[in-house]
Amino acid sequence: MNFHSTPPKQTHAPTLPTYAARDLSEGGDLAQIVLDQQTYTLRITRAGKLILTK
């Protein structure tokens, strides 16, 4: 006897705004992002990773 459940319905995620990190940094390694009067620094490392600091 096999019991099979119905697979969950897949819902499509809403399209999110997408930004290229290199565009934000204008080709450099650093960009500043402001959120509610707080400034954050986005850094692109040599390894191509992103670091966001306050």
PDB file of N, CA and C in Angstrom:
ATOM      1  N   MET A   1       0.835  -1.168   0.000  1.00  0.00           N
ATOM      2  CA  MET A   1       0.000   0.000   0.000  1.00  0.00           C
ATOM      3  C   MET A   1       0.886   1.239   0.000  1.00  0.00           C
ATOM      4  N   ASN A   2       0.709   2.119  -0.966  1.00  0.00           N
ATOM      5  CA  ASN A   2       1.497   3.344  -1.068  1.00  0.00           C
ATOM      6  C   ASN A   2       0.638   4.545  -0.738  1.00  0.00           C
ATOM      7  N   PHE A   3       1.170   5.423   0.052  1.00  0.00           N
ATOM      8  CA  PHE A   3       0.483   6.672   0.355  1.00  0.00           C
ATOM      9  C   PHE A   3       1.293   7.807  -0.256  1.00  0.00           C
ATOM     10  N   HIS A   4       0.676   8.546  -1.105  1.00  0.00           N
ATOM     11  CA  HIS A   4       1.346   9.677  -1.746  1.00  0.00           C
ATOM     12  C   HIS A   4       0.596  10.943  -1.385  1.00  0.00           C
ATOM     13  N   SER A   5       1.332  11.918  -0.932  1.00  0.00           N
ATOM     14  CA  SER A   5       0.686  13.197  -0.665  1.00  0.00           C
ATOM     15  C   SER A   5       0.798  14.070  -1.907  1.00  0.00           C
ATOM     16  N   THR A   6      -0.109  14.980  -2.027  1.00  0.00           N
ATOM     17  CA  THR A   6      -0.080  15.903  -3.146  1.00  0.00           C
ATOM     18  C   THR A   6       1.098  16.849  -2.967  1.00  0.00           C
ATOM     19  N   PRO A   7       1.914  17.035  -4.012  1.00  0.00           N
ATOM     20  CA  PRO A   7       3.044  17.958  -3.862  1.00  0.00           C
ATOM     21  C   PRO A   7       2.544  19.368  -3.580  1.00  0.00           C
ATOM     22  N   PRO A   8       3.305  20.134  -2.777  1.00  0.00           N
ATOM     23  CA  PRO A   8       2.861  21.500  -2.464  1.00  0.00           C
ATOM     24  C   PRO A   8       2.825  22.356  -3.725  1.00  0.00           C
ATOM     25  N   LYS A   9       1.856  23.253  -3.760  1.00  0.00           N
ATOM     26  CA  LYS A   9       1.764  24.177  -4.883  1.00  0.00           C
ATOM     27  C   LYS A   9       2.956  25.101  -4.863  1.00  0.00           C
ATOM     28  N   GLN A  10       3.530  25.307  -6.014  1.00  0.00           N
ATOM     29  CA  GLN A  10       4.644  26.236  -6.096  1.00  0.00           C
ATOM     30  C   GLN A  10       4.109  27.603  -6.460  1.00  0.00           C
ATOM     31  N   THR A  11       4.461  28.559  -5.638  1.00  0.00           N
ATOM     32  CA  THR A  11       4.063  29.925  -5.942  1.00  0.00           C
ATOM     33  C   THR A  11       5.281  30.661  -6.455  1.00  0.00           C
ATOM     34  N   HIS A  12       5.061  31.553  -7.373  1.00  0.00           N
ATOM     35  CA  HIS A  12       6.168  32.310  -7.939  1.00  0.00           C
ATOM     36  C   HIS A  12       6.499  33.475  -7.023  1.00  0.00           C
ATOM     37  N   ALA A  13       7.777  33.606  -6.724  1.00  0.00           N
ATOM     38  CA  ALA A  13       8.231  34.713  -5.880  1.00  0.00           C
ATOM     39  C   ALA A  13       8.073  36.020  -6.657  1.00  0.00           C
ATOM     40  N   PRO A  14       7.708  37.076  -5.959  1.00  0.00           N
ATOM     41  CA  PRO A  14       7.605  38.360  -6.647  1.00  0.00           C
ATOM     42  C   PRO A  14       8.979  38.789  -7.163  1.00  0.00           C
ATOM     43  N   THR A  15       8.985  39.501  -8.242  1.00  0.00           N
ATOM     44  CA  THR A  15      10.233  39.991  -8.800  1.00  0.00           C
ATOM     45  C   THR A  15      10.808  41.057  -7.873  1.00  0.00           C
ATOM     46  N   LEU A  16      12.049  40.883  -7.495  1.00  0.00           N
ATOM     47  CA  LEU A  16      12.707  41.816  -6.587  1.00  0.00           C
ATOM     48  C   LEU A  16      13.580  42.789  -7.377  1.00  0.00           C
ATOM     49  N   PRO A  17      13.746  44.002  -6.870  1.00  0.00           N
ATOM     50  CA  PRO A  17      14.678  44.917  -7.521  1.00  0.00           C
ATOM     51  C   PRO A  17      16.079  44.309  -7.491  1.00  0.00           C
ATOM     52  N   THR A  18      16.798  44.410  -8.576  1.00  0.00           N
ATOM     53  CA  THR A  18      18.127  43.830  -8.675  1.00  0.00           C
ATOM     54  C   THR A  18      19.114  44.910  -9.090  1.00  0.00           C
ATOM     55  N   TYR A  19      20.231  44.973  -8.384  1.00  0.00           N
ATOM     56  CA  TYR A  19      21.257  45.977  -8.659  1.00  0.00           C
ATOM     57  C   TYR A  19      22.603  45.277  -8.781  1.00  0.00           C
ATOM     58  N   ALA A  20      23.390  45.674  -9.737  1.00  0.00           N
ATOM     59  CA  ALA A  20      24.743  45.142  -9.875  1.00  0.00           C
ATOM     60  C   ALA A  20      25.643  45.871  -8.892  1.00  0.00           C
ATOM     61  N   ALA A  21      26.356  45.129  -8.060  1.00  0.00           N
ATOM     62  CA  ALA A  21      27.225  45.735  -7.053  1.00  0.00           C
ATOM     63  C   ALA A  21      28.274  46.631  -7.700  1.00  0.00           C
ATOM     64  N   ARG A  22      28.781  46.236  -8.835  1.00  0.00           N
ATOM     65  CA  ARG A  22      29.798  47.053  -9.520  1.00  0.00           C
ATOM     66  C   ARG A  22      29.183  48.361 -10.019  1.00  0.00           C
ATOM     67  N   ASP A  23      27.905  48.342 -10.361  1.00  0.00           N
ATOM     68  CA  ASP A  23      27.246  49.589 -10.751  1.00  0.00           C
ATOM     69  C   ASP A  23      27.066  50.496  -9.533  1.00  0.00           C
ATOM     70  N   LEU A  24      26.712  49.907  -8.394  1.00  0.00           N
ATOM     71  CA  LEU A  24      26.554  50.704  -7.175  1.00  0.00           C
ATOM     72  C   LEU A  24      27.872  51.356  -6.769  1.00  0.00           C
ATOM     73  N   SER A  25      28.970  50.648  -6.985  1.00  0.00           N
ATOM     74  CA  SER A  25      30.275  51.179  -6.594  1.00  0.00           C
ATOM     75  C   SER A  25      30.931  51.956  -7.735  1.00  0.00           C
ATOM     76  N   GLU A  26      30.198  52.134  -8.822  1.00  0.00           N
ATOM     77  CA  GLU A  26      30.690  52.855 -10.004  1.00  0.00           C
ATOM     78  C   GLU A  26      32.050  52.337 -10.465  1.00  0.00           C
ATOM     79  N   GLY A  27      32.201  51.016 -10.455  1.00  0.00           N
ATOM     80  CA  GLY A  27      33.425  50.384 -10.930  1.00  0.00           C
ATOM     81  C   GLY A  27      34.508  50.251  -9.875  1.00  0.00           C
ATOM     82  N   GLY A  28      34.310  50.833  -8.714  1.00  0.00           N
ATOM     83  CA  GLY A  28      35.297  50.740  -7.636  1.00  0.00           C
ATOM     84  C   GLY A  28      35.008  49.570  -6.728  1.00  0.00           C
ATOM     85  N   ASP A  29      35.526  49.668  -5.505  1.00  0.00           N
ATOM     86  CA  ASP A  29      35.344  48.591  -4.528  1.00  0.00           C
ATOM     87  C   ASP A  29      34.391  48.961  -3.400  1.00  0.00           C
ATOM     88  N   LEU A  30      33.994  50.247  -3.309  1.00  0.00           N
ATOM     89  CA  LEU A  30      33.182  50.706  -2.187  1.00  0.00           C
ATOM     90  C   LEU A  30      31.965  51.485  -2.663  1.00  0.00           C
ATOM     91  N   ALA A  31      30.882  51.351  -1.901  1.00  0.00           N
ATOM     92  CA  ALA A  31      29.681  52.153  -2.139  1.00  0.00           C
ATOM     93  C   ALA A  31      29.043  52.414  -0.783  1.00  0.00           C
ATOM     94  N   GLN A  32      28.361  53.528  -0.672  1.00  0.00           N
ATOM     95  CA  GLN A  32      27.627  53.822   0.553  1.00  0.00           C
ATOM     96  C   GLN A  32      26.144  53.659   0.281  1.00  0.00           C
ATOM     97  N   ILE A  33      25.465  53.054   1.257  1.00  0.00           N
ATOM     98  CA  ILE A  33      24.030  52.829   1.179  1.00  0.00           C
ATOM     99  C   ILE A  33      23.410  53.455   2.423  1.00  0.00           C
ATOM    100  N   VAL A  34      22.383  54.258   2.243  1.00  0.00           N
ATOM    101  CA  VAL A  34      21.734  54.938   3.360  1.00  0.00           C
ATOM    102  C   VAL A  34      20.360  54.317   3.583  1.00  0.00           C
ATOM    103  N   LEU A  35      20.088  53.994   4.854  1.00  0.00           N
ATOM    104  CA  LEU A  35      18.796  53.462   5.256  1.00  0.00           C
ATOM    105  C   LEU A  35      18.383  54.160   6.540  1.00  0.00           C
ATOM    106  N   ASP A  36      17.295  54.896   6.486  1.00  0.00           N
ATOM    107  CA  ASP A  36      16.772  55.579   7.673  1.00  0.00           C
ATOM    108  C   ASP A  36      17.852  56.382   8.412  1.00  0.00           C
ATOM    109  N   GLN A  37      18.557  57.189   7.698  1.00  0.00           N
ATOM    110  CA  GLN A  37      19.585  58.085   8.231  1.00  0.00           C
ATOM    111  C   GLN A  37      20.802  57.346   8.786  1.00  0.00           C
ATOM    112  N   GLN A  38      20.934  56.066   8.493  1.00  0.00           N
ATOM    113  CA  GLN A  38      22.126  55.292   8.844  1.00  0.00           C
ATOM    114  C   GLN A  38      22.884  55.004   7.555  1.00  0.00           C
ATOM    115  N   THR A  39      24.185  55.210   7.578  1.00  0.00           N
ATOM    116  CA  THR A  39      24.993  54.968   6.387  1.00  0.00           C
ATOM    117  C   THR A  39      25.755  53.660   6.550  1.00  0.00           C
ATOM    118  N   TYR A  40      25.680  52.817   5.540  1.00  0.00           N
ATOM    119  CA  TYR A  40      26.360  51.532   5.506  1.00  0.00           C
ATOM    120  C   TYR A  40      27.369  51.562   4.368  1.00  0.00           C
ATOM    121  N   THR A  41      28.437  50.792   4.518  1.00  0.00           N
ATOM    122  CA  THR A  41      29.441  50.685   3.467  1.00  0.00           C
ATOM    123  C   THR A  41      29.389  49.287   2.875  1.00  0.00           C
ATOM    124  N   LEU A  42      29.271  49.236   1.564  1.00  0.00           N
ATOM    125  CA  LEU A  42      29.297  47.975   0.829  1.00  0.00           C
ATOM    126  C   LEU A  42      30.681  47.861   0.205  1.00  0.00           C
ATOM    127  N   ARG A  43      31.370  46.770   0.514  1.00  0.00           N
ATOM    128  CA  ARG A  43      32.715  46.586  -0.018  1.00  0.00           C
ATOM    129  C   ARG A  43      32.767  45.309  -0.837  1.00  0.00           C
ATOM    130  N   ILE A  44      33.403  45.397  -1.995  1.00  0.00           N
ATOM    131  CA  ILE A  44      33.643  44.223  -2.832  1.00  0.00           C
ATOM    132  C   ILE A  44      35.074  43.780  -2.553  1.00  0.00           C
ATOM    133  N   THR A  45      35.244  42.550  -2.086  1.00  0.00           N
ATOM    134  CA  THR A  45      36.575  42.048  -1.752  1.00  0.00           C
ATOM    135  C   THR A  45      37.310  41.590  -3.006  1.00  0.00           C
ATOM    136  N   ARG A  46      38.598  41.332  -2.857  1.00  0.00           N
ATOM    137  CA  ARG A  46      39.391  40.818  -3.988  1.00  0.00           C
ATOM    138  C   ARG A  46      38.867  39.476  -4.478  1.00  0.00           C
ATOM    139  N   ALA A  47      38.259  38.725  -3.560  1.00  0.00           N
ATOM    140  CA  ALA A  47      37.722  37.402  -3.905  1.00  0.00           C
ATOM    141  C   ALA A  47      36.335  37.512  -4.546  1.00  0.00           C
ATOM    142  N   GLY A  48      35.816  38.743  -4.686  1.00  0.00           N
ATOM    143  CA  GLY A  48      34.520  38.917  -5.311  1.00  0.00           C
ATOM    144  C   GLY A  48      33.352  38.721  -4.362  1.00  0.00           C
ATOM    145  N   LYS A  49      33.603  38.777  -3.066  1.00  0.00           N
ATOM    146  CA  LYS A  49      32.537  38.673  -2.064  1.00  0.00           C
ATOM    147  C   LYS A  49      32.088  40.070  -1.657  1.00  0.00           C
ATOM    148  N   LEU A  50      30.912  40.140  -1.050  1.00  0.00           N
ATOM    149  CA  LEU A  50      30.392  41.423  -0.583  1.00  0.00           C
ATOM    150  C   LEU A  50      30.396  41.468   0.931  1.00  0.00           C
ATOM    151  N   ILE A  51      30.789  42.625   1.476  1.00  0.00           N
ATOM    152  CA  ILE A  51      30.746  42.858   2.912  1.00  0.00           C
ATOM    153  C   ILE A  51      29.982  44.151   3.123  1.00  0.00           C
ATOM    154  N   LEU A  52      28.972  44.104   3.982  1.00  0.00           N
ATOM    155  CA  LEU A  52      28.174  45.274   4.319  1.00  0.00           C
ATOM    156  C   LEU A  52      28.421  45.599   5.783  1.00  0.00           C
ATOM    157  N   THR A  53      28.920  46.818   6.059  1.00  0.00           N
ATOM    158  CA  THR A  53      29.209  47.224   7.429  1.00  0.00           C
ATOM    159  C   THR A  53      28.525  48.531   7.737  1.00  0.00           C
ATOM    160  N   LYS A  54      28.284  48.746   9.012  1.00  0.00           N
ATOM    161  CA  LYS A  54      27.632  49.960   9.481  1.00  0.00           C
ATOM    162  C   LYS A  54      28.686  50.992   9.813  1.00  0.00           C
TER     163      LYS A  54
END
